Amino acid sequence: MVEDIINIVQDNIINNNLIKKDDKIVVAVSGGPDSMCLLDSLFKLKDKLKFKVVVAHVNHGIREESEQEKVYVEKFCKVRNIPFYYLKVDVPALSKERKMSEEACGRSIRYDFFEEVRKKENADSIAVAHNLNDNVETILLNIVRGTGLKGLTGMDFKFNNIIRPLLTIEKKDILLYNKELELNPCFDKTNEEEIYLRNKIRLTLIPFLEKLNPNFITNISRMREILKEDNDFIDNYCNNILQKIIIKEDNSSIIFNFSLFMDEHNSIKKRIIRKIIERSISNLDGIESIHILDILNLLQNNIKGKKYIIGNKFKIEIIKKNIAVIYNEGGKHE
């Protein structure tokens, strides 16, 4: 199993251009089986593929055993002469201060720290240990919350500075990898508690679905590949249109000719609107289907001076026939 997984990780790296020669990679390591499999396999491949690794570990201040996990990961790195970065933070207190869930706050702190280490080390990417089971959980989570085609494709091998070399590997094989090498990873007991929606999907929904069909995980993975191919085609199509419709762009606004895509199918029009918003404000947080429909209706009516504002996120205004502008701080430009 060890050689099999190392070969899969190597194939994932090469086939998806995750790591290039002379790259430096920040490996996010909790000390659990997934991240230890990731770290160990990358360590074994680094000389062959000519890249370097450093490790970043976060103690969220939630569980008593977190200190032991830090010692475990630090020792693993010290023996192998891997640079080790550590952050300890009181997530429960900080989540209350920020008025966020502990889960969301912890994730935000982790990724901010990983990015901080990446910049400090002048590294190229951050490797995280998401595996095939995690991706299936993400897809089911998106379905439960409501999603479109993109949500059904789950996570990608690469997104911005994040890479996922284990994305095609099942959890059961990762556990065998740890066992065969006697890595003795740490186990987070909260992963076995149904305190988060993702945990409920992992612990209750997926086992139930596997009883209905033992090949459920594999089948979802195949579905994802088919849908990703379709989504990539549509995305590229929309990106080509997006480049044609933008008239002027700066840090505060984008002026675009919406008449150039109003004859497209509704699916394409909605996706282009999302892309314009994302290009303007860098994300789609809090942007729902109803907002997209309202904006589409605004553009279809095509009345000069009409505008659509979403809080302090952005404002879209029709400045003349077929021409609209999106400001990335709605209400600022009156």
C-alpha atoms as a PDB file:
ATOM      1  CA  MET A   1       0.000   0.000   0.000  1.00  0.00           C
ATOM      2  CA  VAL A   2       2.865   2.398   0.785  1.00  0.00           C
ATOM      3  CA  GLU A   3       4.379   2.184  -2.700  1.00  0.00           C
ATOM      4  CA  ASP A   4       0.928   2.354  -4.284  1.00  0.00           C
ATOM      5  CA  ILE A   5       0.066   5.597  -2.501  1.00  0.00           C
ATOM      6  CA  ILE A   6       3.453   7.189  -3.189  1.00  0.00           C
ATOM      7  CA  ASN A   7       2.986   6.362  -6.871  1.00  0.00           C
ATOM      8  CA  ILE A   8      -0.523   7.867  -6.867  1.00  0.00           C
ATOM      9  CA  VAL A   9       0.712  11.016  -5.130  1.00  0.00           C
ATOM     10  CA  GLN A  10       3.528  11.312  -7.668  1.00  0.00           C
ATOM     11  CA  ASP A  11       1.073  10.864 -10.565  1.00  0.00           C
ATOM     12  CA  ASN A  12      -1.283  13.457  -9.067  1.00  0.00           C
ATOM     13  CA  ILE A  13       1.604  15.928  -8.722  1.00  0.00           C
ATOM     14  CA  ILE A  14       2.860  15.417 -12.278  1.00  0.00           C
ATOM     15  CA  ASN A  15      -0.473  15.051 -14.106  1.00  0.00           C
ATOM     16  CA  ASN A  16      -1.992  18.108 -12.432  1.00  0.00           C
ATOM     17  CA  ASN A  17       1.160  20.248 -12.363  1.00  0.00           C
ATOM     18  CA  LEU A  18       0.926  20.651  -8.588  1.00  0.00           C
ATOM     19  CA  ILE A  19       4.642  20.916  -7.865  1.00  0.00           C
ATOM     20  CA  LYS A  20       7.430  21.967 -10.202  1.00  0.00           C
ATOM     21  CA  LYS A  21      11.179  21.482  -9.956  1.00  0.00           C
ATOM     22  CA  ASP A  22      12.769  23.686  -7.249  1.00  0.00           C
ATOM     23  CA  ASP A  23       9.392  24.538  -5.686  1.00  0.00           C
ATOM     24  CA  LYS A  24       9.073  24.951  -1.935  1.00  0.00           C
ATOM     25  CA  ILE A  25       5.894  23.562  -0.376  1.00  0.00           C
ATOM     26  CA  VAL A  26       4.291  24.438   2.959  1.00  0.00           C
ATOM     27  CA  VAL A  27       2.696  21.228   4.217  1.00  0.00           C
ATOM     28  CA  ALA A  28      -0.267  21.760   6.550  1.00  0.00           C
ATOM     29  CA  VAL A  29       0.083  19.054   9.212  1.00  0.00           C
ATOM     30  CA  SER A  30      -2.311  18.426  12.091  1.00  0.00           C
ATOM     31  CA  GLY A  31      -0.680  15.154  13.120  1.00  0.00           C
ATOM     32  CA  GLY A  32      -3.693  13.082  12.046  1.00  0.00           C
ATOM     33  CA  PRO A  33      -3.473  10.140   9.614  1.00  0.00           C
ATOM     34  CA  ASP A  34      -4.320  12.183   6.515  1.00  0.00           C
ATOM     35  CA  SER A  35      -1.740  14.917   7.049  1.00  0.00           C
ATOM     36  CA  MET A  36       0.937  12.435   8.168  1.00  0.00           C
ATOM     37  CA  CYS A  37       0.372  10.412   5.005  1.00  0.00           C
ATOM     38  CA  LEU A  38       0.694  13.639   3.024  1.00  0.00           C
ATOM     39  CA  LEU A  39       3.850  14.771   4.801  1.00  0.00           C
ATOM     40  CA  ASP A  40       5.553  11.368   4.690  1.00  0.00           C
ATOM     41  CA  SER A  41       4.770  10.767   1.014  1.00  0.00           C
ATOM     42  CA  LEU A  42       5.945  14.261   0.004  1.00  0.00           C
ATOM     43  CA  PHE A  43       9.102  13.815   2.071  1.00  0.00           C
ATOM     44  CA  LYS A  44       9.792  10.552   0.236  1.00  0.00           C
ATOM     45  CA  LEU A  45       9.235  12.215  -3.146  1.00  0.00           C
ATOM     46  CA  LYS A  46      11.033  15.524  -2.595  1.00  0.00           C
ATOM     47  CA  ASP A  47      14.488  14.398  -3.750  1.00  0.00           C
ATOM     48  CA  LYS A  48      13.141  12.511  -6.734  1.00  0.00           C
ATOM     49  CA  LEU A  49      10.964  15.409  -7.927  1.00  0.00           C
ATOM     50  CA  LYS A  50      13.413  18.091  -6.760  1.00  0.00           C
ATOM     51  CA  PHE A  51      11.330  20.186  -4.350  1.00  0.00           C
ATOM     52  CA  LYS A  52      11.549  21.273  -0.698  1.00  0.00           C
ATOM     53  CA  VAL A  53       9.058  21.032   2.167  1.00  0.00           C
ATOM     54  CA  VAL A  54       8.387  22.995   5.345  1.00  0.00           C
ATOM     55  CA  VAL A  55       5.666  22.196   7.878  1.00  0.00           C
ATOM     56  CA  ALA A  56       3.011  24.425   9.465  1.00  0.00           C
ATOM     57  CA  HIS A  57       1.042  23.200  12.496  1.00  0.00           C
ATOM     58  CA  VAL A  58      -1.789  24.976  14.346  1.00  0.00           C
ATOM     59  CA  ASN A  59      -2.990  24.377  17.906  1.00  0.00           C
ATOM     60  CA  HIS A  60      -6.579  25.656  18.134  1.00  0.00           C
ATOM     61  CA  GLY A  61      -6.649  25.637  21.925  1.00  0.00           C
ATOM     62  CA  ILE A  62      -9.776  23.461  21.971  1.00  0.00           C
ATOM     63  CA  ARG A  63      -8.559  19.983  22.987  1.00  0.00           C
ATOM     64  CA  GLU A  64      -6.210  18.907  25.790  1.00  0.00           C
ATOM     65  CA  GLU A  65      -4.301  16.540  23.503  1.00  0.00           C
ATOM     66  CA  SER A  66      -3.330  19.397  21.153  1.00  0.00           C
ATOM     67  CA  GLU A  67      -0.037  19.915  22.999  1.00  0.00           C
ATOM     68  CA  GLN A  68       0.850  16.238  22.456  1.00  0.00           C
ATOM     69  CA  GLU A  69       0.056  16.591  18.746  1.00  0.00           C
ATOM     70  CA  LYS A  70       2.429  19.548  18.505  1.00  0.00           C
ATOM     71  CA  VAL A  71       5.212  17.515  20.140  1.00  0.00           C
ATOM     72  CA  TYR A  72       4.514  14.574  17.812  1.00  0.00           C
ATOM     73  CA  VAL A  73       4.646  16.625  14.597  1.00  0.00           C
ATOM     74  CA  GLU A  74       7.650  18.664  15.752  1.00  0.00           C
ATOM     75  CA  LYS A  75       9.601  15.485  16.580  1.00  0.00           C
ATOM     76  CA  PHE A  76       8.767  13.965  13.172  1.00  0.00           C
ATOM     77  CA  CYS A  77      10.112  17.107  11.504  1.00  0.00           C
ATOM     78  CA  LYS A  78      13.214  17.373  13.703  1.00  0.00           C
ATOM     79  CA  VAL A  79      14.314  13.810  12.934  1.00  0.00           C
ATOM     80  CA  ARG A  80      14.033  14.554   9.201  1.00  0.00           C
ATOM     81  CA  ASN A  81      15.422  18.093   9.374  1.00  0.00           C
ATOM     82  CA  ILE A  82      12.157  19.634   8.101  1.00  0.00           C
ATOM     83  CA  PRO A  83      11.583  23.315   9.055  1.00  0.00           C
ATOM     84  CA  PHE A  84       8.660  23.499  11.507  1.00  0.00           C
ATOM     85  CA  TYR A  85       6.313  26.437  12.106  1.00  0.00           C
ATOM     86  CA  TYR A  86       3.848  26.496  14.985  1.00  0.00           C
ATOM     87  CA  LEU A  87       0.893  28.667  15.970  1.00  0.00           C
ATOM     88  CA  LYS A  88      -1.151  28.398  19.150  1.00  0.00           C
ATOM     89  CA  VAL A  89      -4.383  30.376  19.334  1.00  0.00           C
ATOM     90  CA  ASP A  90      -7.514  30.405  21.488  1.00  0.00           C
ATOM     91  CA  VAL A  91     -10.137  29.667  18.815  1.00  0.00           C
ATOM     92  CA  PRO A  92     -13.129  29.459  21.216  1.00  0.00           C
ATOM     93  CA  ALA A  93     -12.421  32.969  22.529  1.00  0.00           C
ATOM     94  CA  LEU A  94     -11.615  34.381  19.121  1.00  0.00           C
ATOM     95  CA  SER A  95     -14.738  32.878  17.530  1.00  0.00           C
ATOM     96  CA  LYS A  96     -16.905  34.672  20.103  1.00  0.00           C
ATOM     97  CA  GLU A  97     -15.036  37.898  19.507  1.00  0.00           C
ATOM     98  CA  ARG A  98     -15.490  37.602  15.733  1.00  0.00           C
ATOM     99  CA  LYS A  99     -19.045  36.256  16.085  1.00  0.00           C
ATOM    100  CA  MET A 100     -18.196  33.176  14.023  1.00  0.00           C
ATOM    101  CA  SER A 101     -18.596  29.457  14.595  1.00  0.00           C
ATOM    102  CA  GLU A 102     -15.516  27.748  16.034  1.00  0.00           C
ATOM    103  CA  GLU A 103     -15.282  25.673  12.853  1.00  0.00           C
ATOM    104  CA  ALA A 104     -15.260  28.702  10.545  1.00  0.00           C
ATOM    105  CA  CYS A 105     -12.948  30.681  12.826  1.00  0.00           C
ATOM    106  CA  GLY A 106     -10.486  27.810  13.095  1.00  0.00           C
ATOM    107  CA  ARG A 107     -10.392  27.376   9.337  1.00  0.00           C
ATOM    108  CA  SER A 108      -9.799  31.091   8.796  1.00  0.00           C
ATOM    109  CA  ILE A 109      -6.950  31.153  11.321  1.00  0.00           C
ATOM    110  CA  ARG A 110      -5.339  28.030   9.844  1.00  0.00           C
ATOM    111  CA  TYR A 111      -5.286  29.258   6.293  1.00  0.00           C
ATOM    112  CA  ASP A 112      -4.124  32.737   7.286  1.00  0.00           C
ATOM    113  CA  PHE A 113      -1.215  31.138   9.147  1.00  0.00           C
ATOM    114  CA  PHE A 114      -0.362  28.797   6.272  1.00  0.00           C
ATOM    115  CA  GLU A 115      -0.289  31.771   3.900  1.00  0.00           C
ATOM    116  CA  GLU A 116       1.868  33.722   6.368  1.00  0.00           C
ATOM    117  CA  VAL A 117       4.376  30.850   6.457  1.00  0.00           C
ATOM    118  CA  ARG A 118       4.276  30.558   2.662  1.00  0.00           C
ATOM    119  CA  LYS A 119       5.202  34.226   2.273  1.00  0.00           C
ATOM    120  CA  LYS A 120       7.871  34.070   4.987  1.00  0.00           C
ATOM    121  CA  GLU A 121       9.499  31.052   3.348  1.00  0.00           C
ATOM    122  CA  ASN A 122       8.953  32.422  -0.159  1.00  0.00           C
ATOM    123  CA  ALA A 123       7.225  29.095  -0.862  1.00  0.00           C
ATOM    124  CA  ASP A 124       5.159  28.302  -3.938  1.00  0.00           C
ATOM    125  CA  SER A 125       2.182  26.342  -2.597  1.00  0.00           C
ATOM    126  CA  ILE A 126       0.395  25.073   0.498  1.00  0.00           C
ATOM    127  CA  ALA A 127      -0.290  21.319   0.498  1.00  0.00           C
ATOM    128  CA  VAL A 128      -3.362  20.160   2.416  1.00  0.00           C
ATOM    129  CA  ALA A 129      -4.444  16.586   3.080  1.00  0.00           C
ATOM    130  CA  HIS A 130      -7.953  16.487   1.605  1.00  0.00           C
ATOM    131  CA  ASN A 131      -8.660  12.985   0.291  1.00  0.00           C
ATOM    132  CA  LEU A 132     -11.351  11.288  -1.807  1.00  0.00           C
ATOM    133  CA  ASN A 133     -13.677  10.822   1.186  1.00  0.00           C
ATOM    134  CA  ASP A 134     -13.326  14.499   2.080  1.00  0.00           C
ATOM    135  CA  ASN A 135     -14.317  15.407  -1.455  1.00  0.00           C
ATOM    136  CA  VAL A 136     -17.406  13.193  -1.332  1.00  0.00           C
ATOM    137  CA  GLU A 137     -18.340  14.816   1.998  1.00  0.00           C
ATOM    138  CA  THR A 138     -17.936  18.254   0.404  1.00  0.00           C
ATOM    139  CA  ILE A 139     -20.189  17.313  -2.520  1.00  0.00           C
ATOM    140  CA  LEU A 140     -22.878  15.960  -0.183  1.00  0.00           C
ATOM    141  CA  LEU A 141     -22.532  19.033   2.036  1.00  0.00           C
ATOM    142  CA  ASN A 142     -23.079  21.250  -1.013  1.00  0.00           C
ATOM    143  CA  ILE A 143     -26.154  19.232  -1.993  1.00  0.00           C
ATOM    144  CA  VAL A 144     -27.634  19.555   1.504  1.00  0.00           C
ATOM    145  CA  ARG A 145     -27.056  23.332   1.488  1.00  0.00           C
ATOM    146  CA  GLY A 146     -28.171  23.750  -2.115  1.00  0.00           C
ATOM    147  CA  THR A 147     -25.754  23.944  -5.016  1.00  0.00           C
ATOM    148  CA  GLY A 148     -25.258  24.265  -8.749  1.00  0.00           C
ATOM    149  CA  LEU A 149     -23.003  22.374 -11.129  1.00  0.00           C
ATOM    150  CA  LYS A 150     -19.783  23.748  -9.624  1.00  0.00           C
ATOM    151  CA  GLY A 151     -20.742  22.534  -6.147  1.00  0.00           C
ATOM    152  CA  LEU A 152     -21.260  19.015  -7.500  1.00  0.00           C
ATOM    153  CA  THR A 153     -17.644  18.898  -8.679  1.00  0.00           C
ATOM    154  CA  GLY A 154     -16.313  19.329  -5.131  1.00  0.00           C
ATOM    155  CA  MET A 155     -12.706  20.328  -4.543  1.00  0.00           C
ATOM    156  CA  ASP A 156     -10.005  20.675  -7.188  1.00  0.00           C
ATOM    157  CA  PHE A 157      -6.414  19.451  -7.086  1.00  0.00           C
ATOM    158  CA  LYS A 158      -5.327  23.079  -7.137  1.00  0.00           C
ATOM    159  CA  PHE A 159      -7.023  26.297  -6.099  1.00  0.00           C
ATOM    160  CA  ASN A 160      -4.970  29.494  -5.923  1.00  0.00           C
ATOM    161  CA  ASN A 161      -2.015  28.603  -3.644  1.00  0.00           C
ATOM    162  CA  ILE A 162      -3.616  25.408  -2.294  1.00  0.00           C
ATOM    163  CA  ILE A 163      -2.714  21.957  -3.654  1.00  0.00           C
ATOM    164  CA  ARG A 164      -4.291  18.591  -2.763  1.00  0.00           C
ATOM    165  CA  PRO A 165      -1.998  15.677  -3.712  1.00  0.00           C
ATOM    166  CA  LEU A 166      -4.157  13.075  -1.862  1.00  0.00           C
ATOM    167  CA  LEU A 167      -7.452  14.002  -3.508  1.00  0.00           C
ATOM    168  CA  THR A 168      -7.948  10.665  -5.329  1.00  0.00           C
ATOM    169  CA  ILE A 169      -6.975   8.443  -2.389  1.00  0.00           C
ATOM    170  CA  GLU A 170      -9.554   6.792  -0.121  1.00  0.00           C
ATOM    171  CA  LYS A 171      -9.376   7.207   3.648  1.00  0.00           C
ATOM    172  CA  LYS A 172      -9.131   3.450   4.231  1.00  0.00           C
ATOM    173  CA  ASP A 173      -5.938   3.331   2.143  1.00  0.00           C
ATOM    174  CA  ILE A 174      -4.482   6.292   4.022  1.00  0.00           C
ATOM    175  CA  LEU A 175      -5.082   4.460   7.303  1.00  0.00           C
ATOM    176  CA  LEU A 176      -3.294   1.380   5.886  1.00  0.00           C
ATOM    177  CA  TYR A 177      -0.366   3.576   4.844  1.00  0.00           C
ATOM    178  CA  ASN A 178      -0.018   4.857   8.421  1.00  0.00           C
ATOM    179  CA  LYS A 179      -0.335   1.352   9.825  1.00  0.00           C
ATOM    180  CA  GLU A 180       2.244  -0.228   7.511  1.00  0.00           C
ATOM    181  CA  LEU A 181       4.806   2.470   8.283  1.00  0.00           C
ATOM    182  CA  GLU A 182       3.905   2.553  11.992  1.00  0.00           C
ATOM    183  CA  LEU A 183       3.545   6.318  11.875  1.00  0.00           C
ATOM    184  CA  ASN A 184       1.224   6.196  14.899  1.00  0.00           C
ATOM    185  CA  PRO A 185      -0.662   9.385  13.994  1.00  0.00           C
ATOM    186  CA  CYS A 186      -2.793  11.380  16.403  1.00  0.00           C
ATOM    187  CA  PHE A 187      -6.577  11.106  16.251  1.00  0.00           C
ATOM    188  CA  ASP A 188      -8.904  14.041  16.820  1.00  0.00           C
ATOM    189  CA  LYS A 189     -11.796  12.705  18.900  1.00  0.00           C
ATOM    190  CA  THR A 190     -14.042  15.570  17.792  1.00  0.00           C
ATOM    191  CA  ASN A 191     -14.072  14.015  14.314  1.00  0.00           C
ATOM    192  CA  GLU A 192     -16.169  11.225  15.831  1.00  0.00           C
ATOM    193  CA  GLU A 193     -18.686  13.606  17.402  1.00  0.00           C
ATOM    194  CA  GLU A 194     -21.755  14.716  15.467  1.00  0.00           C
ATOM    195  CA  ILE A 195     -21.274  18.358  16.400  1.00  0.00           C
ATOM    196  CA  TYR A 196     -20.808  19.710  12.869  1.00  0.00           C
ATOM    197  CA  LEU A 197     -22.878  19.080   9.738  1.00  0.00           C
ATOM    198  CA  ARG A 198     -19.831  17.645   7.969  1.00  0.00           C
ATOM    199  CA  ASN A 199     -19.344  15.145  10.808  1.00  0.00           C
ATOM    200  CA  LYS A 200     -22.987  14.078  10.552  1.00  0.00           C
ATOM    201  CA  ILE A 201     -22.533  13.478   6.829  1.00  0.00           C
ATOM    202  CA  ARG A 202     -19.349  11.467   7.474  1.00  0.00           C
ATOM    203  CA  LEU A 203     -20.639   9.447  10.405  1.00  0.00           C
ATOM    204  CA  THR A 204     -24.298   8.897   9.511  1.00  0.00           C
ATOM    205  CA  LEU A 205     -25.207   9.743   5.914  1.00  0.00           C
ATOM    206  CA  ILE A 206     -22.282   8.161   4.049  1.00  0.00           C
ATOM    207  CA  PRO A 207     -22.404   4.823   5.966  1.00  0.00           C
ATOM    208  CA  PHE A 208     -26.157   4.676   5.227  1.00  0.00           C
ATOM    209  CA  LEU A 209     -25.578   5.348   1.523  1.00  0.00           C
ATOM    210  CA  GLU A 210     -22.808   2.727   1.448  1.00  0.00           C
ATOM    211  CA  LYS A 211     -25.295   0.183   2.769  1.00  0.00           C
ATOM    212  CA  LEU A 212     -27.533   0.991  -0.197  1.00  0.00           C
ATOM    213  CA  ASN A 213     -24.561   0.783  -2.561  1.00  0.00           C
ATOM    214  CA  PRO A 214     -21.096  -0.391  -1.405  1.00  0.00           C
ATOM    215  CA  ASN A 215     -19.572   1.406  -4.415  1.00  0.00           C
ATOM    216  CA  PHE A 216     -21.066   4.757  -3.408  1.00  0.00           C
ATOM    217  CA  ILE A 217     -17.724   6.547  -2.881  1.00  0.00           C
ATOM    218  CA  THR A 218     -16.381   5.322  -6.233  1.00  0.00           C
ATOM    219  CA  ASN A 219     -19.586   6.237  -8.054  1.00  0.00           C
ATOM    220  CA  ILE A 220     -19.619   9.771  -6.630  1.00  0.00           C
ATOM    221  CA  SER A 221     -16.002  10.133  -7.713  1.00  0.00           C
ATOM    222  CA  ARG A 222     -16.920   9.100 -11.278  1.00  0.00           C
ATOM    223  CA  MET A 223     -19.860  11.499 -11.277  1.00  0.00           C
ATOM    224  CA  ARG A 224     -17.536  14.277 -10.160  1.00  0.00           C
ATOM    225  CA  GLU A 225     -15.139  13.639 -13.043  1.00  0.00           C
ATOM    226  CA  ILE A 226     -17.965  13.758 -15.609  1.00  0.00           C
ATOM    227  CA  LEU A 227     -19.461  16.935 -14.170  1.00  0.00           C
ATOM    228  CA  LYS A 228     -16.060  18.594 -13.800  1.00  0.00           C
ATOM    229  CA  GLU A 229     -15.425  18.090 -17.505  1.00  0.00           C
ATOM    230  CA  ASP A 230     -18.763  19.730 -18.318  1.00  0.00           C
ATOM    231  CA  ASN A 231     -18.196  22.528 -15.809  1.00  0.00           C
ATOM    232  CA  ASP A 232     -14.707  23.254 -17.170  1.00  0.00           C
ATOM    233  CA  PHE A 233     -16.110  23.561 -20.702  1.00  0.00           C
ATOM    234  CA  ILE A 234     -18.856  25.988 -19.608  1.00  0.00           C
ATOM    235  CA  ASP A 235     -16.396  27.932 -17.471  1.00  0.00           C
ATOM    236  CA  ASN A 236     -13.963  28.387 -20.348  1.00  0.00           C
ATOM    237  CA  TYR A 237     -16.823  29.443 -22.620  1.00  0.00           C
ATOM    238  CA  CYS A 238     -17.916  32.084 -20.093  1.00  0.00           C
ATOM    239  CA  ASN A 239     -14.356  33.296 -19.517  1.00  0.00           C
ATOM    240  CA  ASN A 240     -13.983  33.960 -23.250  1.00  0.00           C
ATOM    241  CA  ILE A 241     -17.182  36.038 -23.222  1.00  0.00           C
ATOM    242  CA  LEU A 242     -16.062  37.869 -20.076  1.00  0.00           C
ATOM    243  CA  GLN A 243     -12.878  39.041 -21.765  1.00  0.00           C
ATOM    244  CA  LYS A 244     -14.911  40.484 -24.664  1.00  0.00           C
ATOM    245  CA  ILE A 245     -17.494  42.393 -22.607  1.00  0.00           C
ATOM    246  CA  ILE A 246     -15.159  44.345 -20.276  1.00  0.00           C
ATOM    247  CA  ILE A 247     -14.656  47.908 -21.495  1.00  0.00           C
ATOM    248  CA  LYS A 248     -12.655  49.341 -18.605  1.00  0.00           C
ATOM    249  CA  GLU A 249     -11.425  47.988 -15.288  1.00  0.00           C
ATOM    250  CA  ASP A 250      -9.618  49.443 -12.279  1.00  0.00           C
ATOM    251  CA  ASN A 251      -9.366  48.743  -8.545  1.00  0.00           C
ATOM    252  CA  SER A 252     -12.778  50.209  -7.770  1.00  0.00           C
ATOM    253  CA  SER A 253     -14.960  49.384 -10.773  1.00  0.00           C
ATOM    254  CA  ILE A 254     -15.570  47.365 -13.922  1.00  0.00           C
ATOM    255  CA  ILE A 255     -17.474  48.824 -16.898  1.00  0.00           C
ATOM    256  CA  PHE A 256     -18.939  46.184 -19.192  1.00  0.00           C
ATOM    257  CA  ASN A 257     -21.170  45.794 -22.253  1.00  0.00           C
ATOM    258  CA  PHE A 258     -23.883  43.355 -21.177  1.00  0.00           C
ATOM    259  CA  SER A 259     -25.574  43.291 -24.599  1.00  0.00           C
ATOM    260  CA  LEU A 260     -22.801  40.950 -25.742  1.00  0.00           C
ATOM    261  CA  PHE A 261     -24.104  38.107 -23.585  1.00  0.00           C
ATOM    262  CA  MET A 262     -27.833  38.795 -23.234  1.00  0.00           C
ATOM    263  CA  ASP A 263     -28.674  36.455 -26.129  1.00  0.00           C
ATOM    264  CA  GLU A 264     -26.963  33.539 -24.373  1.00  0.00           C
ATOM    265  CA  HIS A 265     -28.805  30.826 -22.460  1.00  0.00           C
ATOM    266  CA  ASN A 266     -29.931  31.845 -18.951  1.00  0.00           C
ATOM    267  CA  SER A 267     -27.372  29.432 -17.481  1.00  0.00           C
ATOM    268  CA  ILE A 268     -24.550  31.306 -19.235  1.00  0.00           C
ATOM    269  CA  LYS A 269     -25.925  34.751 -18.357  1.00  0.00           C
ATOM    270  CA  LYS A 270     -26.123  33.889 -14.652  1.00  0.00           C
ATOM    271  CA  ARG A 271     -22.629  32.441 -14.625  1.00  0.00           C
ATOM    272  CA  ILE A 272     -21.167  35.528 -16.327  1.00  0.00           C
ATOM    273  CA  ILE A 273     -22.886  37.773 -13.772  1.00  0.00           C
ATOM    274  CA  ARG A 274     -21.327  35.704 -10.988  1.00  0.00           C
ATOM    275  CA  LYS A 275     -17.933  36.010 -12.645  1.00  0.00           C
ATOM    276  CA  ILE A 276     -18.251  39.787 -12.933  1.00  0.00           C
ATOM    277  CA  ILE A 277     -19.145  40.034  -9.235  1.00  0.00           C
ATOM    278  CA  GLU A 278     -16.307  37.709  -8.224  1.00  0.00           C
ATOM    279  CA  ARG A 279     -13.857  39.638 -10.392  1.00  0.00           C
ATOM    280  CA  SER A 280     -14.958  42.864  -8.714  1.00  0.00           C
ATOM    281  CA  ILE A 281     -15.074  41.828  -5.037  1.00  0.00           C
ATOM    282  CA  SER A 282     -12.815  38.718  -5.155  1.00  0.00           C
ATOM    283  CA  ASN A 283     -15.419  36.298  -3.794  1.00  0.00           C
ATOM    284  CA  LEU A 284     -19.082  35.305  -3.844  1.00  0.00           C
ATOM    285  CA  ASP A 285     -19.622  35.148  -0.093  1.00  0.00           C
ATOM    286  CA  GLY A 286     -23.243  35.945   0.712  1.00  0.00           C
ATOM    287  CA  ILE A 287     -24.245  36.148  -2.958  1.00  0.00           C
ATOM    288  CA  GLU A 288     -27.319  33.994  -3.496  1.00  0.00           C
ATOM    289  CA  SER A 289     -29.371  32.946  -6.530  1.00  0.00           C
ATOM    290  CA  ILE A 290     -31.998  35.614  -5.813  1.00  0.00           C
ATOM    291  CA  HIS A 291     -29.315  38.333  -6.116  1.00  0.00           C
ATOM    292  CA  ILE A 292     -28.185  36.983  -9.482  1.00  0.00           C
ATOM    293  CA  LEU A 293     -31.783  36.875 -10.740  1.00  0.00           C
ATOM    294  CA  ASP A 294     -32.393  40.456  -9.599  1.00  0.00           C
ATOM    295  CA  ILE A 295     -29.267  41.650 -11.419  1.00  0.00           C
ATOM    296  CA  LEU A 296     -30.256  39.719 -14.549  1.00  0.00           C
ATOM    297  CA  ASN A 297     -33.661  41.408 -14.440  1.00  0.00           C
ATOM    298  CA  LEU A 298     -31.968  44.813 -14.068  1.00  0.00           C
ATOM    299  CA  LEU A 299     -29.843  44.209 -17.161  1.00  0.00           C
ATOM    300  CA  GLN A 300     -32.754  42.887 -19.204  1.00  0.00           C
ATOM    301  CA  ASN A 301     -34.826  46.018 -18.448  1.00  0.00           C
ATOM    302  CA  ASN A 302     -31.829  48.068 -19.618  1.00  0.00           C
ATOM    303  CA  ILE A 303     -32.950  51.421 -18.126  1.00  0.00           C
ATOM    304  CA  LYS A 304     -30.294  54.106 -17.674  1.00  0.00           C
ATOM    305  CA  GLY A 305     -29.747  55.114 -14.062  1.00  0.00           C
ATOM    306  CA  LYS A 306     -31.276  51.969 -12.555  1.00  0.00           C
ATOM    307  CA  LYS A 307     -29.037  50.323  -9.980  1.00  0.00           C
ATOM    308  CA  TYR A 308     -28.801  47.312  -7.701  1.00  0.00           C
ATOM    309  CA  ILE A 309     -26.968  47.491  -4.359  1.00  0.00           C
ATOM    310  CA  ILE A 310     -25.995  44.715  -1.952  1.00  0.00           C
ATOM    311  CA  GLY A 311     -25.022  46.284   1.375  1.00  0.00           C
ATOM    312  CA  ASN A 312     -21.398  47.382   1.402  1.00  0.00           C
ATOM    313  CA  LYS A 313     -20.347  44.649  -1.032  1.00  0.00           C
ATOM    314  CA  PHE A 314     -21.007  46.161  -4.451  1.00  0.00           C
ATOM    315  CA  LYS A 315     -23.312  48.218  -6.624  1.00  0.00           C
ATOM    316  CA  ILE A 316     -24.300  47.620 -10.261  1.00  0.00           C
ATOM    317  CA  GLU A 317     -25.642  50.569 -12.253  1.00  0.00           C
ATOM    318  CA  ILE A 318     -26.706  50.962 -15.887  1.00  0.00           C
ATOM    319  CA  ILE A 319     -24.869  54.080 -17.053  1.00  0.00           C
ATOM    320  CA  LYS A 320     -26.222  54.047 -20.619  1.00  0.00           C
ATOM    321  CA  LYS A 321     -27.958  51.633 -22.972  1.00  0.00           C
ATOM    322  CA  ASN A 322     -26.226  48.215 -22.894  1.00  0.00           C
ATOM    323  CA  ILE A 323     -23.437  49.525 -20.628  1.00  0.00           C
ATOM    324  CA  ALA A 324     -23.236  48.865 -16.886  1.00  0.00           C
ATOM    325  CA  VAL A 325     -20.690  49.439 -14.145  1.00  0.00           C
ATOM    326  CA  ILE A 326     -20.032  47.425 -10.992  1.00  0.00           C
ATOM    327  CA  TYR A 327     -18.442  49.238  -8.043  1.00  0.00           C
ATOM    328  CA  ASN A 328     -16.741  46.995  -5.492  1.00  0.00           C
ATOM    329  CA  GLU A 329     -17.887  49.045  -2.482  1.00  0.00           C
ATOM    330  CA  GLY A 330     -21.616  49.605  -3.007  1.00  0.00           C
ATOM    331  CA  GLY A 331     -22.887  53.006  -1.962  1.00  0.00           C
ATOM    332  CA  LYS A 332     -19.416  54.597  -2.078  1.00  0.00           C
ATOM    333  CA  HIS A 333     -19.777  55.899  -5.613  1.00  0.00           C
ATOM    334  CA  GLU A 334     -22.920  58.024  -5.689  1.00  0.00           C
END
